[in-house]
């Protein structure tokens, strides 16, 4: 029993193309309007996207903790599936894409990809992206009632983005090397 009609691949593809077009056109317009101030706008957009990405990365494993205890096929389980899918597709995925796009541009424009702290930060963000991929696979497994992990596992996984976030923030603010 699904709480929402299934989206066909063609509709999902159209939404994706429209979203990318809006992002590219909006960024180009902002670049033209802001001129020299674009760098600060890019930083603001990057921080907003990172906050959104982290919010989703911290919330999704918590949903899994509760989903594990819901009976397969129950209304509660189906509700969790919708919540997990919408969180991943509507917030986490787009936020990660925007974070990477603006983050790489900022690293190039502001630092020329130089600095040990920046290399370490990028490595930590790559690990965070790997965790994102792991959670994405988990969303599909839960959707198909194929989860084999315990609530304890998801409680532990819930801490990984927090630790990575702390490392990344320290690298960006303190620049220890």
N, C-alpha and C. Protein backbone atom coordinates (compact mmCIF):
# COMPACT_ATOMS: atom_id res chain seq x y z
N UNK A 1 0.84 -1.18 0.00
CA UNK A 1 0.00 0.00 0.00
C UNK A 1 0.88 1.23 0.00
N UNK A 2 0.78 2.04 -1.02
CA UNK A 2 1.59 3.25 -1.14
C UNK A 2 0.75 4.47 -0.79
N UNK A 3 1.35 5.40 -0.09
CA UNK A 3 0.64 6.61 0.30
C UNK A 3 0.69 7.68 -0.78
N UNK A 4 1.51 7.47 -1.81
CA UNK A 4 1.65 8.44 -2.88
C UNK A 4 1.77 7.69 -4.19
N UNK A 5 1.19 8.25 -5.27
CA UNK A 5 1.34 7.59 -6.56
C UNK A 5 2.82 7.49 -6.94
N UNK A 6 3.15 6.41 -7.62
CA UNK A 6 4.53 6.20 -8.03
C UNK A 6 4.86 7.16 -9.17
N UNK A 7 6.03 7.79 -9.07
CA UNK A 7 6.46 8.72 -10.10
C UNK A 7 7.16 7.93 -11.20
N UNK A 8 6.73 8.14 -12.43
CA UNK A 8 7.36 7.44 -13.55
C UNK A 8 8.74 8.02 -13.80
N UNK A 9 9.62 7.21 -14.41
CA UNK A 9 10.97 7.71 -14.69
C UNK A 9 10.97 8.97 -15.55
N UNK A 10 10.03 9.09 -16.49
CA UNK A 10 10.02 10.27 -17.35
C UNK A 10 9.66 11.53 -16.56
N UNK A 11 8.76 11.43 -15.60
CA UNK A 11 8.42 12.58 -14.76
C UNK A 11 9.60 12.95 -13.88
N UNK A 12 10.23 11.95 -13.28
CA UNK A 12 11.40 12.21 -12.43
C UNK A 12 12.52 12.84 -13.25
N UNK A 13 12.73 12.36 -14.47
CA UNK A 13 13.77 12.90 -15.34
C UNK A 13 13.47 14.36 -15.68
N UNK A 14 12.22 14.65 -16.01
CA UNK A 14 11.83 16.03 -16.33
C UNK A 14 12.05 16.95 -15.14
N UNK A 15 11.67 16.49 -13.96
CA UNK A 15 11.89 17.30 -12.75
C UNK A 15 13.36 17.56 -12.51
N UNK A 16 14.18 16.54 -12.73
CA UNK A 16 15.61 16.68 -12.54
C UNK A 16 16.18 17.71 -13.52
N UNK A 17 15.80 17.61 -14.79
CA UNK A 17 16.30 18.53 -15.81
C UNK A 17 15.86 19.96 -15.50
N UNK A 18 14.61 20.13 -15.11
CA UNK A 18 14.10 21.46 -14.75
C UNK A 18 14.86 22.02 -13.55
N UNK A 19 15.08 21.19 -12.55
CA UNK A 19 15.81 21.64 -11.35
C UNK A 19 17.23 22.07 -11.69
N UNK A 20 17.90 21.30 -12.51
CA UNK A 20 19.27 21.65 -12.90
C UNK A 20 19.26 22.94 -13.72
N UNK A 21 18.30 23.07 -14.62
CA UNK A 21 18.21 24.29 -15.43
C UNK A 21 17.95 25.51 -14.57
N UNK A 22 17.06 25.39 -13.60
CA UNK A 22 16.78 26.51 -12.69
C UNK A 22 18.03 26.89 -11.91
N UNK A 23 18.75 25.89 -11.41
CA UNK A 23 19.98 26.15 -10.66
C UNK A 23 21.02 26.85 -11.52
N UNK A 24 21.24 26.36 -12.73
CA UNK A 24 22.24 26.95 -13.62
C UNK A 24 21.85 28.36 -14.02
N UNK A 25 20.60 28.55 -14.41
CA UNK A 25 20.15 29.88 -14.83
C UNK A 25 20.18 30.86 -13.65
N UNK A 26 19.71 30.40 -12.49
CA UNK A 26 19.74 31.25 -11.30
C UNK A 26 21.15 31.65 -10.92
N UNK A 27 22.08 30.70 -10.99
CA UNK A 27 23.47 30.97 -10.66
C UNK A 27 24.06 31.96 -11.66
N UNK A 28 23.78 31.77 -12.95
CA UNK A 28 24.29 32.68 -13.98
C UNK A 28 23.74 34.09 -13.78
N UNK A 29 22.45 34.21 -13.48
CA UNK A 29 21.86 35.53 -13.24
C UNK A 29 22.48 36.18 -12.01
N UNK A 30 22.66 35.42 -10.95
CA UNK A 30 23.27 35.94 -9.74
C UNK A 30 24.69 36.40 -10.03
N UNK A 31 25.43 35.62 -10.82
CA UNK A 31 26.80 35.99 -11.19
C UNK A 31 26.81 37.31 -11.94
N UNK A 32 25.87 37.48 -12.87
CA UNK A 32 25.80 38.71 -13.66
C UNK A 32 25.39 39.91 -12.80
N UNK A 33 24.42 39.72 -11.94
CA UNK A 33 23.91 40.82 -11.12
C UNK A 33 24.90 41.18 -10.01
N UNK A 34 25.45 40.19 -9.35
CA UNK A 34 26.32 40.44 -8.19
C UNK A 34 27.72 40.87 -8.58
N UNK A 35 28.17 40.49 -9.76
CA UNK A 35 29.51 40.87 -10.20
C UNK A 35 30.58 40.43 -9.23
N UNK A 36 31.33 41.40 -8.70
CA UNK A 36 32.41 41.10 -7.75
C UNK A 36 31.90 40.52 -6.44
N UNK A 37 30.64 40.76 -6.12
CA UNK A 37 30.07 40.24 -4.88
C UNK A 37 29.60 38.80 -4.98
N UNK A 38 29.80 38.17 -6.14
CA UNK A 38 29.33 36.80 -6.34
C UNK A 38 30.01 35.83 -5.38
N UNK A 39 31.28 36.07 -5.08
CA UNK A 39 32.01 35.17 -4.19
C UNK A 39 31.29 35.06 -2.84
N UNK A 40 30.87 36.19 -2.28
CA UNK A 40 30.16 36.15 -1.00
C UNK A 40 28.80 35.47 -1.14
N UNK A 41 28.12 35.70 -2.26
CA UNK A 41 26.85 35.00 -2.50
C UNK A 41 27.09 33.50 -2.61
N UNK A 42 28.16 33.12 -3.29
CA UNK A 42 28.48 31.70 -3.43
C UNK A 42 28.76 31.07 -2.07
N UNK A 43 29.48 31.79 -1.20
CA UNK A 43 29.73 31.28 0.16
C UNK A 43 28.41 31.09 0.92
N UNK A 44 27.53 32.08 0.80
CA UNK A 44 26.24 31.99 1.50
C UNK A 44 25.43 30.81 0.99
N UNK A 45 25.37 30.64 -0.31
CA UNK A 45 24.62 29.51 -0.90
C UNK A 45 25.25 28.19 -0.47
N UNK A 46 26.57 28.14 -0.46
CA UNK A 46 27.27 26.92 -0.05
C UNK A 46 26.94 26.57 1.40
N UNK A 47 26.98 27.54 2.29
CA UNK A 47 26.69 27.29 3.70
C UNK A 47 25.24 26.85 3.88
N UNK A 48 24.32 27.50 3.19
CA UNK A 48 22.90 27.11 3.27
C UNK A 48 22.72 25.67 2.79
N UNK A 49 23.36 25.33 1.68
CA UNK A 49 23.25 23.97 1.14
C UNK A 49 23.87 22.95 2.10
N UNK A 50 25.00 23.29 2.70
CA UNK A 50 25.65 22.37 3.64
C UNK A 50 24.76 22.15 4.87
N UNK A 51 24.16 23.22 5.38
CA UNK A 51 23.26 23.08 6.52
C UNK A 51 22.09 22.17 6.17
N UNK A 52 21.52 22.35 4.99
CA UNK A 52 20.40 21.50 4.55
C UNK A 52 20.84 20.05 4.39
N UNK A 53 22.01 19.86 3.79
CA UNK A 53 22.54 18.51 3.59
C UNK A 53 22.75 17.83 4.94
N UNK A 54 23.37 18.54 5.87
CA UNK A 54 23.64 17.96 7.18
C UNK A 54 22.35 17.67 7.95
N UNK A 55 21.38 18.56 7.84
CA UNK A 55 20.10 18.32 8.53
C UNK A 55 19.50 16.99 8.07
N UNK A 56 19.51 16.78 6.77
CA UNK A 56 18.98 15.53 6.23
C UNK A 56 19.82 14.32 6.62
N UNK A 57 21.14 14.49 6.59
CA UNK A 57 22.04 13.39 6.92
C UNK A 57 21.92 13.00 8.40
N UNK A 58 21.56 13.96 9.24
CA UNK A 58 21.38 13.66 10.66
C UNK A 58 20.01 13.08 10.95
N UNK A 59 19.01 13.45 10.16
CA UNK A 59 17.64 13.00 10.41
C UNK A 59 17.34 11.63 9.81
N UNK A 60 17.87 11.34 8.63
CA UNK A 60 17.53 10.10 7.94
C UNK A 60 17.88 8.84 8.75
N UNK A 61 19.08 8.71 9.32
CA UNK A 61 19.35 7.51 10.12
C UNK A 61 18.43 7.39 11.33
N UNK A 62 18.00 8.53 11.86
CA UNK A 62 17.06 8.51 12.99
C UNK A 62 15.72 7.95 12.52
N UNK A 63 15.29 8.31 11.31
CA UNK A 63 14.07 7.70 10.75
C UNK A 63 14.24 6.19 10.62
N UNK A 64 15.43 5.75 10.22
CA UNK A 64 15.68 4.32 10.08
C UNK A 64 15.56 3.61 11.43
N UNK A 65 16.03 4.26 12.50
CA UNK A 65 15.94 3.67 13.84
C UNK A 65 14.48 3.34 14.15
N UNK A 66 13.59 4.27 13.84
CA UNK A 66 12.16 4.05 14.12
C UNK A 66 11.53 3.10 13.10
N UNK A 67 11.99 3.16 11.86
CA UNK A 67 11.43 2.32 10.80
C UNK A 67 11.70 0.84 11.07
N UNK A 68 12.86 0.54 11.63
CA UNK A 68 13.21 -0.85 11.95
C UNK A 68 12.13 -1.51 12.81
N UNK A 69 11.55 -0.75 13.73
CA UNK A 69 10.55 -1.30 14.66
C UNK A 69 9.14 -1.37 14.07
N UNK A 70 8.92 -0.76 12.92
CA UNK A 70 7.59 -0.79 12.30
C UNK A 70 7.39 -2.11 11.55
N UNK A 71 6.22 -2.68 11.70
CA UNK A 71 5.92 -3.94 11.01
C UNK A 71 5.88 -3.71 9.50
N UNK A 72 6.49 -4.63 8.75
CA UNK A 72 6.50 -4.52 7.29
C UNK A 72 5.07 -4.50 6.77
N UNK A 73 4.81 -3.55 5.86
CA UNK A 73 3.49 -3.43 5.26
C UNK A 73 2.50 -2.62 6.10
N UNK A 74 2.89 -2.24 7.30
CA UNK A 74 1.99 -1.46 8.15
C UNK A 74 1.91 -0.02 7.64
N UNK A 75 0.87 0.68 8.09
CA UNK A 75 0.71 2.08 7.71
C UNK A 75 1.93 2.88 8.17
N UNK A 76 2.42 2.56 9.36
CA UNK A 76 3.59 3.26 9.90
C UNK A 76 4.82 3.03 9.01
N UNK A 77 5.04 1.79 8.59
CA UNK A 77 6.17 1.48 7.74
C UNK A 77 6.06 2.21 6.40
N UNK A 78 4.87 2.22 5.84
CA UNK A 78 4.66 2.90 4.55
C UNK A 78 4.87 4.41 4.70
N UNK A 79 4.48 4.96 5.83
CA UNK A 79 4.69 6.39 6.09
C UNK A 79 6.18 6.69 6.16
N UNK A 80 6.94 5.84 6.87
CA UNK A 80 8.39 6.03 6.94
C UNK A 80 9.01 5.97 5.54
N UNK A 81 8.54 5.07 4.70
CA UNK A 81 9.08 4.97 3.34
C UNK A 81 8.91 6.27 2.58
N UNK A 82 7.73 6.87 2.69
CA UNK A 82 7.46 8.14 2.01
C UNK A 82 8.37 9.23 2.58
N UNK A 83 8.46 9.30 3.89
CA UNK A 83 9.30 10.31 4.54
C UNK A 83 10.76 10.17 4.12
N UNK A 84 11.26 8.94 4.11
CA UNK A 84 12.66 8.70 3.76
C UNK A 84 12.93 9.07 2.30
N UNK A 85 12.04 8.65 1.42
CA UNK A 85 12.20 8.95 0.00
C UNK A 85 12.18 10.45 -0.26
N UNK A 86 11.21 11.13 0.33
CA UNK A 86 11.10 12.59 0.13
C UNK A 86 12.29 13.33 0.72
N UNK A 87 12.75 12.90 1.87
CA UNK A 87 13.92 13.53 2.49
C UNK A 87 15.14 13.36 1.59
N UNK A 88 15.35 12.15 1.09
CA UNK A 88 16.52 11.89 0.24
C UNK A 88 16.43 12.66 -1.07
N UNK A 89 15.30 12.55 -1.76
CA UNK A 89 15.17 13.17 -3.08
C UNK A 89 14.94 14.67 -3.03
N UNK A 90 14.22 15.13 -2.02
CA UNK A 90 13.84 16.53 -1.99
C UNK A 90 14.79 17.44 -1.25
N UNK A 91 15.57 16.88 -0.33
CA UNK A 91 16.47 17.73 0.47
C UNK A 91 17.91 17.26 0.39
N UNK A 92 18.17 16.01 0.72
CA UNK A 92 19.55 15.55 0.85
C UNK A 92 20.29 15.56 -0.50
N UNK A 93 19.71 14.95 -1.52
CA UNK A 93 20.39 14.91 -2.83
C UNK A 93 20.63 16.30 -3.41
N UNK A 94 19.59 17.14 -3.53
CA UNK A 94 19.85 18.48 -4.09
C UNK A 94 20.84 19.29 -3.26
N UNK A 95 20.77 19.18 -1.95
CA UNK A 95 21.68 19.94 -1.09
C UNK A 95 23.12 19.48 -1.27
N UNK A 96 23.32 18.18 -1.42
CA UNK A 96 24.68 17.67 -1.64
C UNK A 96 25.22 18.20 -2.97
N UNK A 97 24.40 18.18 -4.01
CA UNK A 97 24.84 18.65 -5.33
C UNK A 97 25.24 20.12 -5.27
N UNK A 98 24.40 20.94 -4.66
CA UNK A 98 24.69 22.37 -4.56
C UNK A 98 25.92 22.59 -3.68
N UNK A 99 26.05 21.84 -2.59
CA UNK A 99 27.24 21.95 -1.73
C UNK A 99 28.51 21.68 -2.51
N UNK A 100 28.52 20.61 -3.28
CA UNK A 100 29.69 20.26 -4.07
C UNK A 100 29.97 21.30 -5.15
N UNK A 101 28.93 21.71 -5.86
CA UNK A 101 29.13 22.68 -6.96
C UNK A 101 29.76 23.97 -6.44
N UNK A 102 29.13 24.56 -5.44
CA UNK A 102 29.63 25.83 -4.94
C UNK A 102 30.91 25.64 -4.13
N UNK A 103 31.04 24.53 -3.42
CA UNK A 103 32.25 24.27 -2.66
C UNK A 103 33.48 24.13 -3.55
N UNK A 104 33.34 23.40 -4.65
CA UNK A 104 34.47 23.26 -5.56
C UNK A 104 34.82 24.60 -6.21
N UNK A 105 33.80 25.37 -6.57
CA UNK A 105 34.05 26.69 -7.16
C UNK A 105 34.78 27.58 -6.16
N UNK A 106 34.32 27.58 -4.91
CA UNK A 106 34.96 28.39 -3.88
C UNK A 106 36.41 27.94 -3.63
N UNK A 107 36.64 26.63 -3.63
CA UNK A 107 37.99 26.11 -3.43
C UNK A 107 38.91 26.56 -4.55
N UNK A 108 38.39 26.58 -5.75
CA UNK A 108 39.18 27.01 -6.91
C UNK A 108 39.39 28.52 -6.90
N UNK A 109 38.29 29.27 -6.77
CA UNK A 109 38.36 30.72 -6.86
C UNK A 109 39.06 31.34 -5.65
N UNK A 110 38.78 30.85 -4.48
CA UNK A 110 39.32 31.46 -3.27
C UNK A 110 40.69 30.97 -2.86
N UNK A 111 41.00 29.71 -3.19
CA UNK A 111 42.25 29.12 -2.67
C UNK A 111 43.08 28.42 -3.74
N UNK A 112 42.59 28.37 -4.97
CA UNK A 112 43.33 27.69 -6.03
C UNK A 112 43.60 26.23 -5.69
N UNK A 113 42.71 25.64 -4.91
CA UNK A 113 42.84 24.25 -4.45
C UNK A 113 44.13 24.01 -3.67
N UNK A 114 44.66 25.07 -3.06
CA UNK A 114 45.91 24.95 -2.30
C UNK A 114 45.62 24.93 -0.80
N UNK A 115 46.44 24.24 -0.06
CA UNK A 115 46.34 24.21 1.39
C UNK A 115 46.03 22.81 1.89
N UNK A 116 46.83 22.37 2.84
CA UNK A 116 46.63 21.04 3.42
C UNK A 116 45.27 20.91 4.07
N UNK A 117 44.82 21.96 4.74
CA UNK A 117 43.51 21.93 5.38
C UNK A 117 42.41 21.71 4.34
N UNK A 118 42.57 22.34 3.17
CA UNK A 118 41.55 22.21 2.12
C UNK A 118 41.53 20.79 1.56
N UNK A 119 42.69 20.21 1.38
CA UNK A 119 42.75 18.82 0.90
C UNK A 119 42.12 17.87 1.91
N UNK A 120 42.39 18.11 3.19
CA UNK A 120 41.80 17.28 4.24
C UNK A 120 40.28 17.48 4.29
N UNK A 121 39.85 18.72 4.10
CA UNK A 121 38.40 18.99 4.10
C UNK A 121 37.73 18.26 2.94
N UNK A 122 38.31 18.36 1.77
CA UNK A 122 37.73 17.68 0.60
C UNK A 122 37.69 16.17 0.83
N UNK A 123 38.73 15.63 1.46
CA UNK A 123 38.74 14.19 1.77
C UNK A 123 37.60 13.85 2.73
N UNK A 124 37.39 14.69 3.75
CA UNK A 124 36.30 14.45 4.70
C UNK A 124 34.94 14.56 4.02
N UNK A 125 34.81 15.50 3.09
CA UNK A 125 33.54 15.66 2.36
C UNK A 125 33.33 14.45 1.42
N UNK A 126 34.40 13.91 0.88
CA UNK A 126 34.27 12.68 0.08
C UNK A 126 33.76 11.53 0.94
N UNK A 127 34.27 11.42 2.17
CA UNK A 127 33.78 10.38 3.09
C UNK A 127 32.31 10.63 3.40
N UNK A 128 31.94 11.89 3.65
CA UNK A 128 30.54 12.23 3.91
C UNK A 128 29.67 11.87 2.72
N UNK A 129 30.18 12.08 1.52
CA UNK A 129 29.44 11.70 0.31
C UNK A 129 29.28 10.19 0.23
N UNK A 130 30.28 9.45 0.69
CA UNK A 130 30.17 7.99 0.75
C UNK A 130 29.09 7.56 1.72
N UNK A 131 29.01 8.23 2.87
CA UNK A 131 27.95 7.96 3.84
C UNK A 131 26.59 8.26 3.20
N UNK A 132 26.54 9.35 2.45
CA UNK A 132 25.32 9.71 1.72
C UNK A 132 24.91 8.56 0.80
N UNK A 133 25.86 8.02 0.07
CA UNK A 133 25.57 6.89 -0.81
C UNK A 133 25.07 5.68 -0.04
N UNK A 134 25.68 5.41 1.11
CA UNK A 134 25.25 4.29 1.96
C UNK A 134 23.81 4.49 2.41
N UNK A 135 23.47 5.72 2.80
CA UNK A 135 22.10 6.01 3.23
C UNK A 135 21.12 5.91 2.07
N UNK A 136 21.57 6.30 0.89
CA UNK A 136 20.72 6.21 -0.30
C UNK A 136 20.36 4.76 -0.61
N UNK A 137 21.34 3.88 -0.50
CA UNK A 137 21.09 2.45 -0.69
C UNK A 137 20.12 1.95 0.38
N UNK A 138 20.30 2.42 1.60
CA UNK A 138 19.42 2.00 2.70
C UNK A 138 17.98 2.44 2.45
N UNK A 139 17.78 3.62 1.88
CA UNK A 139 16.42 4.08 1.56
C UNK A 139 15.76 3.09 0.60
N UNK A 140 16.51 2.66 -0.40
CA UNK A 140 15.97 1.67 -1.37
C UNK A 140 15.67 0.33 -0.69
N UNK A 141 16.56 -0.09 0.21
CA UNK A 141 16.33 -1.36 0.91
C UNK A 141 15.10 -1.29 1.80
N UNK A 142 14.96 -0.20 2.53
CA UNK A 142 13.76 -0.04 3.36
C UNK A 142 12.51 0.01 2.48
N UNK A 143 12.58 0.69 1.34
CA UNK A 143 11.44 0.79 0.43
C UNK A 143 11.00 -0.58 -0.07
N UNK A 144 11.96 -1.48 -0.22
CA UNK A 144 11.66 -2.84 -0.68
C UNK A 144 11.50 -3.83 0.46
N UNK A 145 11.42 -3.33 1.70
CA UNK A 145 11.32 -4.18 2.89
C UNK A 145 12.47 -5.17 2.98
N UNK A 146 13.68 -4.71 2.63
CA UNK A 146 14.86 -5.59 2.63
C UNK A 146 15.92 -5.15 3.64
N UNK A 147 15.59 -4.28 4.58
CA UNK A 147 16.58 -3.87 5.56
C UNK A 147 16.96 -5.04 6.45
N UNK A 148 18.26 -5.20 6.67
CA UNK A 148 18.75 -6.26 7.55
C UNK A 148 19.50 -5.70 8.76
N UNK A 149 19.58 -4.38 8.84
CA UNK A 149 20.34 -3.74 9.92
C UNK A 149 19.44 -3.48 11.12
N UNK A 150 20.05 -3.47 12.31
CA UNK A 150 19.32 -3.26 13.56
C UNK A 150 19.18 -1.76 13.85
N UNK A 151 18.32 -1.45 14.81
CA UNK A 151 18.18 -0.07 15.27
C UNK A 151 19.51 0.42 15.84
N UNK A 152 20.22 -0.46 16.53
CA UNK A 152 21.53 -0.09 17.10
C UNK A 152 22.50 0.33 16.00
N UNK A 153 22.50 -0.41 14.88
CA UNK A 153 23.36 -0.07 13.74
C UNK A 153 23.05 1.36 13.27
N UNK A 154 21.76 1.67 13.12
CA UNK A 154 21.38 2.98 12.62
C UNK A 154 21.67 4.09 13.63
N UNK A 155 21.62 3.76 14.92
CA UNK A 155 22.01 4.75 15.94
C UNK A 155 23.50 5.09 15.82
N UNK A 156 24.31 4.09 15.54
CA UNK A 156 25.75 4.32 15.36
C UNK A 156 26.00 5.11 14.07
N UNK A 157 25.34 4.71 12.98
CA UNK A 157 25.49 5.41 11.71
C UNK A 157 25.07 6.87 11.85
N UNK A 158 24.09 7.12 12.70
CA UNK A 158 23.60 8.48 12.92
C UNK A 158 24.69 9.40 13.44
N UNK A 159 25.71 8.85 14.10
CA UNK A 159 26.79 9.67 14.66
C UNK A 159 27.88 10.00 13.65
N UNK A 160 27.98 9.22 12.59
CA UNK A 160 29.06 9.41 11.61
C UNK A 160 29.00 10.79 10.95
N UNK A 161 27.84 11.25 10.44
CA UNK A 161 27.81 12.60 9.86
C UNK A 161 28.19 13.69 10.87
N UNK A 162 27.84 13.49 12.13
CA UNK A 162 28.17 14.48 13.16
C UNK A 162 29.68 14.59 13.32
N UNK A 163 30.35 13.46 13.42
CA UNK A 163 31.81 13.46 13.57
C UNK A 163 32.47 14.10 12.35
N UNK A 164 32.00 13.75 11.16
CA UNK A 164 32.56 14.34 9.93
C UNK A 164 32.31 15.84 9.89
N UNK A 165 31.13 16.27 10.30
CA UNK A 165 30.81 17.70 10.32
C UNK A 165 31.77 18.44 11.25
N UNK A 166 32.03 17.88 12.42
CA UNK A 166 32.95 18.52 13.37
C UNK A 166 34.34 18.65 12.75
N UNK A 167 34.82 17.60 12.13
CA UNK A 167 36.13 17.62 11.48
C UNK A 167 36.17 18.68 10.38
N UNK A 168 35.15 18.73 9.55
CA UNK A 168 35.11 19.68 8.43
C UNK A 168 35.08 21.12 8.94
N UNK A 169 34.26 21.39 9.94
CA UNK A 169 34.17 22.76 10.47
C UNK A 169 35.50 23.18 11.08
N UNK A 170 36.14 22.30 11.82
CA UNK A 170 37.45 22.64 12.41
C UNK A 170 38.46 22.93 11.30
N UNK A 171 38.46 22.11 10.26
CA UNK A 171 39.40 22.33 9.16
C UNK A 171 39.17 23.68 8.48
N UNK A 172 37.91 24.05 8.29
CA UNK A 172 37.59 25.30 7.61
C UNK A 172 37.88 26.52 8.49
N UNK A 173 37.52 26.45 9.75
CA UNK A 173 37.66 27.62 10.61
C UNK A 173 39.09 27.76 11.17
N UNK A 174 39.64 26.67 11.69
CA UNK A 174 40.96 26.72 12.34
C UNK A 174 42.10 26.64 11.32
N UNK A 175 41.86 25.91 10.22
CA UNK A 175 42.91 25.67 9.20
C UNK A 175 44.22 25.22 9.87
N UNK A 176 44.18 24.06 10.54
CA UNK A 176 45.32 23.63 11.36
C UNK A 176 46.59 23.32 10.57
N UNK A 177 46.49 23.15 9.27
CA UNK A 177 47.69 22.90 8.47
C UNK A 177 47.45 23.32 7.04
